Amino acid sequence: MHVSALVWAITLVALVVIFAVDLLIVGRRPREPSMRETAIWIGAYVALAILFGVVLFAAYGPRYGGEFFAGWLTEYSLSVDNLFVFVIIMARFAVPRVLQQKVLLIGVMLALVMRGALIAAGAAVVDRFVWVFYLFGAFLIYTAVTLARQRQGGEDEFRENALIRWARRILPLSAQYDGARITTHVERGDHAGNRSGRRVFTPMLIVMIAIGTTDLIFALDSIPAIFGLTTQAYIVFTANAFALMGLRQLYFLLGGLLDRLVYLSYGLAAVLAFIGVKLVLDALHGNNVSFVNGGMPIEWAPHIPIWLSLVVIVSVLGVATIASLAKAPGDARADSS
């Protein structure tokens, strides 16, 4: 798949315009969006992603169109799992509901920039070293086991990382928010009654750092996962971009529904384990590691086509979601009795 520099440029400009419009709307009217508004935005972003996949299908063939849809669905589902931690972050830093839109949007923009750097590095490594698929595959299987065992939605899912602790220690911070502003002016008085002030950062900056870096940590799982479905950097990047686009609206639309998706972590664990196995099988097909089969490819290793990957991903996530929603009424009745 050859993607010209012009196509890359058009794609990046389009993404910048979309995020700029989104930021302009949120910046001018900081508030909590209605359910109808969020549903419309999410529908528009999903339709845009589907249209993009269809264009890829028509321009580059069914293989790459299928790889985009499989990658987008996987990244989108993993992004939903990220929302559990975002809810904890918003509560931990006591972010007012009317300000949460801007926090999420800027955090997502930072995450996309950082993911872009990870994708560029990952594509260069994958292109040169086939054996890295063994590492990616083993890492995804380990992550799947960890995800299946952890308690979903627990308070222990968020720990302040080194960057947040450094920012708290080094930067002058105010105790209160000042609307959606990142900086504010704080007045001080001396013993003589003279007043002076200085410019300090608000907790909004720390929250944005927390959202952006937390998403980057999650990307350490999701980027190897999508490289298990496609090695095309353009598809990896665009699938991540479309998955992150509606994340802000999805946060408000799902709201309390997140607590009802009790089996989502198991579904995501199954998807990651499946992709991990696929990565190892792909590595065996292109094997050049000297101590594995004498450095020769292993032809008898099963090949998993992209259409089968797409079917498995949709089926597993669908079953996990339906099972979660079916279980929720029973839990509600048990709590009320």
Protein backbone atom coordinates (compact mmCIF):
# COMPACT_ATOMS: atom_id res chain seq x y z
CA MET A 1 0.00 0.00 0.00
CA HIS A 2 1.61 3.23 -1.15
CA VAL A 3 0.23 6.42 0.40
CA SER A 4 1.62 9.54 -1.22
CA ALA A 5 2.83 12.57 0.67
CA LEU A 6 -0.13 14.50 -0.74
CA VAL A 7 -2.63 12.03 0.77
CA TRP A 8 -0.83 12.23 4.11
CA ALA A 9 -0.90 16.03 3.98
CA ILE A 10 -4.62 16.16 3.10
CA THR A 11 -5.41 13.72 5.93
CA LEU A 12 -3.45 15.68 8.52
CA VAL A 13 -4.96 19.00 7.45
CA ALA A 14 -8.47 17.51 7.62
CA LEU A 15 -7.83 16.18 11.13
CA VAL A 16 -6.46 19.54 12.28
CA VAL A 17 -9.54 21.32 10.91
CA ILE A 18 -11.92 18.86 12.63
CA PHE A 19 -10.20 19.25 15.99
CA ALA A 20 -9.95 23.05 15.55
CA VAL A 21 -13.71 23.31 14.92
CA ASP A 22 -14.38 21.06 17.89
CA LEU A 23 -12.09 23.15 20.11
CA LEU A 24 -13.68 26.40 18.91
CA ILE A 25 -17.18 25.15 19.74
CA VAL A 26 -16.17 23.87 23.18
CA GLY A 27 -14.06 26.94 23.96
CA ARG A 28 -16.86 29.39 23.15
CA ARG A 29 -19.53 27.45 25.05
CA PRO A 30 -18.03 25.48 27.97
CA ARG A 31 -20.93 23.40 29.34
CA GLU A 32 -22.19 19.89 29.86
CA PRO A 33 -23.59 18.65 26.51
CA SER A 34 -27.07 17.16 26.23
CA MET A 35 -27.63 13.49 25.42
CA ARG A 36 -29.09 14.45 22.04
CA GLU A 37 -26.08 16.59 21.16
CA THR A 38 -23.57 13.91 22.12
CA ALA A 39 -25.50 11.24 20.19
CA ILE A 40 -25.49 13.41 17.05
CA TRP A 41 -21.74 14.09 17.32
CA ILE A 42 -20.91 10.42 17.88
CA GLY A 43 -23.14 9.40 14.98
CA ALA A 44 -21.36 11.93 12.76
CA TYR A 45 -17.89 10.69 13.78
CA VAL A 46 -18.87 7.03 13.30
CA ALA A 47 -20.35 7.84 9.88
CA LEU A 48 -17.14 9.70 8.98
CA ALA A 49 -15.02 6.70 10.00
CA ILE A 50 -17.20 4.32 7.98
CA LEU A 51 -17.02 6.64 4.96
CA PHE A 52 -13.24 6.79 5.28
CA GLY A 53 -13.06 2.99 5.44
CA VAL A 54 -15.22 2.70 2.33
CA VAL A 55 -12.93 5.15 0.49
CA LEU A 56 -9.90 3.06 1.51
CA PHE A 57 -11.74 -0.07 0.35
CA ALA A 58 -12.42 1.50 -3.06
CA ALA A 59 -9.01 3.13 -3.49
CA TYR A 60 -6.69 0.44 -2.14
CA GLY A 61 -8.74 -2.76 -2.14
CA PRO A 62 -10.70 -4.89 0.36
CA ARG A 63 -7.62 -5.96 2.30
CA TYR A 64 -6.72 -2.47 3.47
CA GLY A 65 -10.34 -1.45 3.93
CA GLY A 66 -10.83 -4.49 6.16
CA GLU A 67 -7.63 -3.71 8.08
CA PHE A 68 -8.90 -0.20 8.79
CA PHE A 69 -12.27 -1.37 10.08
CA ALA A 70 -10.68 -4.08 12.26
CA GLY A 71 -8.15 -1.59 13.64
CA TRP A 72 -10.72 1.14 14.19
CA LEU A 73 -13.11 -1.18 16.05
CA THR A 74 -10.28 -2.47 18.25
CA GLU A 75 -8.97 1.02 19.06
CA TYR A 76 -12.48 2.37 19.64
CA SER A 77 -13.29 -0.46 22.04
CA LEU A 78 -10.03 0.05 23.94
CA SER A 79 -10.85 3.77 24.10
CA VAL A 80 -14.15 2.94 25.80
CA ASP A 81 -12.16 1.06 28.42
CA ASN A 82 -10.04 4.19 28.89
CA LEU A 83 -13.17 6.09 29.90
CA PHE A 84 -13.33 4.20 33.18
CA VAL A 85 -10.03 5.79 34.18
CA PHE A 86 -11.05 9.20 32.81
CA VAL A 87 -14.09 9.14 35.12
CA ILE A 88 -11.77 8.44 38.08
CA ILE A 89 -9.43 11.28 37.03
CA MET A 90 -12.31 13.77 36.77
CA ALA A 91 -13.53 12.76 40.23
CA ARG A 92 -10.02 12.75 41.74
CA PHE A 93 -9.34 16.33 40.61
CA ALA A 94 -12.95 17.50 41.23
CA VAL A 95 -13.33 18.89 37.69
CA PRO A 96 -16.67 20.74 37.32
CA ARG A 97 -18.95 19.09 34.74
CA VAL A 98 -19.11 22.25 32.62
CA LEU A 99 -15.31 22.18 32.21
CA GLN A 100 -14.89 18.49 31.45
CA GLN A 101 -15.49 18.87 27.70
CA LYS A 102 -12.43 21.10 27.23
CA VAL A 103 -10.28 18.88 29.45
CA LEU A 104 -11.15 15.82 27.40
CA LEU A 105 -10.72 17.53 24.03
CA ILE A 106 -7.27 18.95 24.76
CA GLY A 107 -6.24 15.69 26.44
CA VAL A 108 -7.30 13.78 23.34
CA MET A 109 -5.37 16.15 21.07
CA LEU A 110 -2.23 15.67 23.17
CA ALA A 111 -2.78 11.92 23.09
CA LEU A 112 -3.08 11.89 19.28
CA VAL A 113 0.21 13.79 18.90
CA MET A 114 1.98 11.39 21.28
CA ARG A 115 0.41 8.36 19.61
CA GLY A 116 1.59 9.67 16.25
CA ALA A 117 5.17 9.60 17.52
CA LEU A 118 4.69 6.06 18.86
CA ILE A 119 3.19 4.91 15.56
CA ALA A 120 6.07 6.37 13.55
CA ALA A 121 8.59 4.62 15.79
CA GLY A 122 6.60 1.37 15.75
CA ALA A 123 6.29 1.38 11.96
CA ALA A 124 10.05 1.86 11.57
CA VAL A 125 10.78 -1.02 13.95
CA VAL A 126 8.21 -3.37 12.40
CA ASP A 127 9.49 -2.62 8.92
CA ARG A 128 13.07 -3.57 9.83
CA PHE A 129 12.69 -6.29 12.46
CA VAL A 130 10.17 -9.10 11.96
CA TRP A 131 11.09 -10.61 15.32
CA VAL A 132 9.46 -7.68 17.12
CA PHE A 133 6.13 -9.40 16.42
CA TYR A 134 7.15 -12.08 18.92
CA LEU A 135 7.58 -9.39 21.57
CA PHE A 136 4.34 -7.62 20.64
CA GLY A 137 2.45 -10.91 20.68
CA ALA A 138 3.81 -11.96 24.07
CA PHE A 139 3.11 -8.52 25.50
CA LEU A 140 -0.51 -8.53 24.28
CA ILE A 141 -1.15 -12.00 25.70
CA TYR A 142 0.31 -10.88 29.04
CA THR A 143 -1.84 -7.71 28.91
CA ALA A 144 -4.93 -9.81 28.13
CA VAL A 145 -4.35 -11.99 31.20
CA THR A 146 -3.78 -8.90 33.37
CA LEU A 147 -6.88 -7.17 32.02
CA ALA A 148 -9.06 -10.22 32.61
CA ARG A 149 -7.88 -10.50 36.22
CA GLN A 150 -8.09 -6.87 37.27
CA ARG A 151 -11.09 -5.36 39.01
CA GLN A 152 -12.74 -3.12 36.46
CA GLY A 153 -13.53 0.44 37.42
CA GLY A 154 -11.61 0.27 40.70
CA GLU A 155 -9.98 3.23 42.37
CA ASP A 156 -6.62 1.52 41.97
CA GLU A 157 -6.73 1.96 38.18
CA PHE A 158 -5.23 5.45 38.36
CA ARG A 159 -1.95 6.39 39.93
CA GLU A 160 -0.32 9.78 39.47
CA ASN A 161 2.64 9.25 37.15
CA ALA A 162 6.06 10.89 37.43
CA LEU A 163 5.15 13.76 35.08
CA ILE A 164 2.11 14.71 37.18
CA ARG A 165 4.11 14.55 40.41
CA TRP A 166 6.87 16.67 38.82
CA ALA A 167 4.33 19.26 37.63
CA ARG A 168 2.77 19.46 41.10
CA ARG A 169 6.20 19.96 42.69
CA ILE A 170 7.74 22.42 40.23
CA LEU A 171 4.88 24.53 38.85
CA PRO A 172 3.14 27.29 40.84
CA LEU A 173 -0.45 26.09 41.18
CA SER A 174 -3.63 27.70 42.43
CA ALA A 175 -5.96 25.82 44.72
CA GLN A 176 -9.08 26.59 42.68
CA TYR A 177 -10.19 26.39 39.05
CA ASP A 178 -10.70 29.63 37.13
CA GLY A 179 -13.24 28.54 34.57
CA ALA A 180 -11.52 26.67 31.73
CA ARG A 181 -8.35 28.76 32.02
CA ILE A 182 -4.96 27.08 32.39
CA THR A 183 -3.45 30.09 34.18
CA THR A 184 -4.91 32.62 36.60
CA HIS A 185 -3.84 35.70 38.53
CA VAL A 186 -3.50 35.28 42.30
CA GLU A 187 -3.28 38.31 44.56
CA ARG A 188 -1.17 38.40 47.73
CA GLY A 189 -0.96 40.96 50.53
CA ASP A 190 1.93 41.91 52.82
CA HIS A 191 1.90 43.08 56.46
CA ALA A 192 1.55 46.70 55.39
CA GLY A 193 -1.60 45.98 53.47
CA ASN A 194 0.02 46.35 50.04
CA ARG A 195 -1.32 43.92 47.47
CA SER A 196 0.54 42.30 44.61
CA GLY A 197 -0.09 39.30 42.43
CA ARG A 198 1.46 36.72 40.19
CA ARG A 199 0.43 34.43 37.36
CA VAL A 200 0.04 30.76 38.35
CA PHE A 201 -1.28 27.59 36.75
CA THR A 202 -4.70 26.23 37.66
CA PRO A 203 -5.48 22.55 38.41
CA MET A 204 -6.81 22.40 34.82
CA LEU A 205 -3.24 21.96 33.55
CA ILE A 206 -2.63 18.97 35.85
CA VAL A 207 -5.88 17.34 34.75
CA MET A 208 -4.95 17.74 31.07
CA ILE A 209 -1.55 16.21 31.73
CA ALA A 210 -3.23 13.34 33.58
CA ILE A 211 -5.66 12.66 30.69
CA GLY A 212 -3.00 12.88 27.99
CA THR A 213 -0.35 10.78 29.71
CA THR A 214 -2.87 8.18 30.90
CA ASP A 215 -4.05 7.73 27.32
CA LEU A 216 -0.42 7.39 26.23
CA ILE A 217 0.03 4.58 28.75
CA PHE A 218 -3.03 2.86 27.33
CA ALA A 219 -1.54 3.31 23.85
CA LEU A 220 1.31 1.02 24.86
CA ASP A 221 -1.31 -1.75 24.69
CA SER A 222 -3.38 -0.53 21.77
CA ILE A 223 -0.57 0.36 19.34
CA PRO A 224 0.92 -3.19 19.35
CA ALA A 225 -2.64 -4.52 19.03
CA ILE A 226 -3.37 -2.64 15.81
CA PHE A 227 0.06 -3.52 14.40
CA GLY A 228 -1.14 -7.10 14.80
CA LEU A 229 -3.92 -6.28 12.32
CA THR A 230 -2.00 -4.10 9.87
CA THR A 231 1.58 -2.94 9.34
CA GLN A 232 0.51 0.11 7.34
CA ALA A 233 1.40 3.25 9.31
CA TYR A 234 -1.30 5.27 7.50
CA ILE A 235 -4.03 2.84 8.58
CA VAL A 236 -2.67 2.62 12.13
CA PHE A 237 -2.65 6.41 12.47
CA THR A 238 -6.06 7.07 10.92
CA ALA A 239 -7.69 4.25 12.90
CA ASN A 240 -6.34 5.81 16.11
CA ALA A 241 -7.45 9.28 15.05
CA PHE A 242 -11.02 8.18 14.30
CA ALA A 243 -11.16 6.19 17.54
CA LEU A 244 -10.12 9.26 19.54
CA MET A 245 -12.38 11.70 17.69
CA GLY A 246 -15.63 10.85 19.44
CA LEU A 247 -14.08 9.99 22.79
CA ARG A 248 -15.16 13.27 24.39
CA GLN A 249 -18.79 12.85 23.37
CA LEU A 250 -18.72 9.15 24.26
CA TYR A 251 -17.66 10.08 27.80
CA PHE A 252 -20.85 12.09 28.32
CA LEU A 253 -23.14 9.74 26.38
CA LEU A 254 -22.19 6.61 28.29
CA GLY A 255 -22.04 8.31 31.69
CA GLY A 256 -23.45 5.86 34.23
CA LEU A 257 -23.61 3.15 31.56
CA LEU A 258 -19.89 2.51 32.07
CA ASP A 259 -20.59 0.80 35.38
CA ARG A 260 -22.97 -1.57 33.60
CA LEU A 261 -20.36 -2.82 31.12
CA VAL A 262 -19.10 -5.38 33.62
CA TYR A 263 -17.88 -7.84 31.00
CA LEU A 264 -16.14 -5.33 28.73
CA SER A 265 -12.71 -6.02 30.24
CA TYR A 266 -13.13 -9.75 29.52
CA GLY A 267 -14.15 -9.03 25.93
CA LEU A 268 -11.17 -6.73 25.42
CA ALA A 269 -8.89 -9.31 27.04
CA ALA A 270 -10.13 -11.94 24.57
CA VAL A 271 -9.55 -9.57 21.63
CA LEU A 272 -6.02 -8.71 22.80
CA ALA A 273 -5.20 -12.39 23.34
CA PHE A 274 -6.49 -13.23 19.86
CA ILE A 275 -4.40 -10.47 18.26
CA GLY A 276 -1.39 -11.55 20.34
CA VAL A 277 -1.68 -15.10 18.96
CA LYS A 278 -2.11 -13.68 15.44
CA LEU A 279 1.07 -11.64 15.87
CA VAL A 280 3.05 -14.70 16.93
CA LEU A 281 1.71 -16.69 13.96
CA ASP A 282 2.61 -13.84 11.59
CA ALA A 283 6.10 -13.77 13.12
CA LEU A 284 6.46 -17.52 12.50
CA HIS A 285 5.49 -17.02 8.85
CA GLY A 286 8.20 -14.39 8.35
CA ASN A 287 10.62 -15.85 10.88
CA ASN A 288 14.30 -14.92 10.60
CA VAL A 289 15.31 -15.52 14.23
CA SER A 290 18.24 -17.93 14.15
CA PHE A 291 17.23 -20.06 17.15
CA VAL A 292 13.66 -20.60 15.83
CA ASN A 293 13.54 -23.24 13.07
CA GLY A 294 17.10 -22.41 12.10
CA GLY A 295 16.13 -18.89 11.05
CA MET A 296 13.73 -20.18 8.37
CA PRO A 297 10.04 -19.25 7.99
CA ILE A 298 7.57 -21.81 9.38
CA GLU A 299 5.20 -22.43 6.50
CA TRP A 300 2.80 -24.72 8.37
CA ALA A 301 1.83 -22.04 10.91
CA PRO A 302 -1.86 -21.11 10.42
CA HIS A 303 -2.61 -17.80 8.71
CA ILE A 304 -5.45 -15.69 10.11
CA PRO A 305 -6.96 -13.52 7.33
CA ILE A 306 -8.17 -10.02 8.10
CA TRP A 307 -11.83 -10.92 7.49
CA LEU A 308 -11.64 -13.56 10.21
CA SER A 309 -10.01 -11.06 12.57
CA LEU A 310 -12.85 -8.61 11.89
CA VAL A 311 -15.49 -11.29 12.57
CA VAL A 312 -13.80 -12.34 15.83
CA ILE A 313 -13.44 -8.75 17.07
CA VAL A 314 -17.06 -7.80 16.30
CA SER A 315 -18.43 -11.05 17.73
CA VAL A 316 -16.44 -10.97 20.98
CA LEU A 317 -17.16 -7.30 21.71
CA GLY A 318 -20.82 -7.73 20.77
CA VAL A 319 -21.24 -10.70 23.11
CA ALA A 320 -19.43 -8.86 25.96
CA THR A 321 -21.66 -5.79 25.56
CA ILE A 322 -24.93 -7.73 25.30
CA ALA A 323 -24.02 -9.94 28.26
CA SER A 324 -23.15 -6.86 30.33
CA LEU A 325 -26.41 -5.08 29.54
CA ALA A 326 -28.38 -8.28 30.20
CA LYS A 327 -26.72 -8.69 33.60
CA ALA A 328 -27.32 -5.09 34.72
CA PRO A 329 -31.11 -5.37 35.47
CA GLY A 330 -30.47 -8.44 37.63
CA ASP A 331 -27.81 -6.55 39.60
CA ALA A 332 -30.18 -3.61 40.07
CA ARG A 333 -32.93 -5.87 41.42
CA ALA A 334 -30.44 -7.56 43.76
CA ASP A 335 -29.28 -4.18 45.11
CA SER A 336 -32.84 -3.00 45.74
CA SER A 337 -33.89 -6.17 47.60
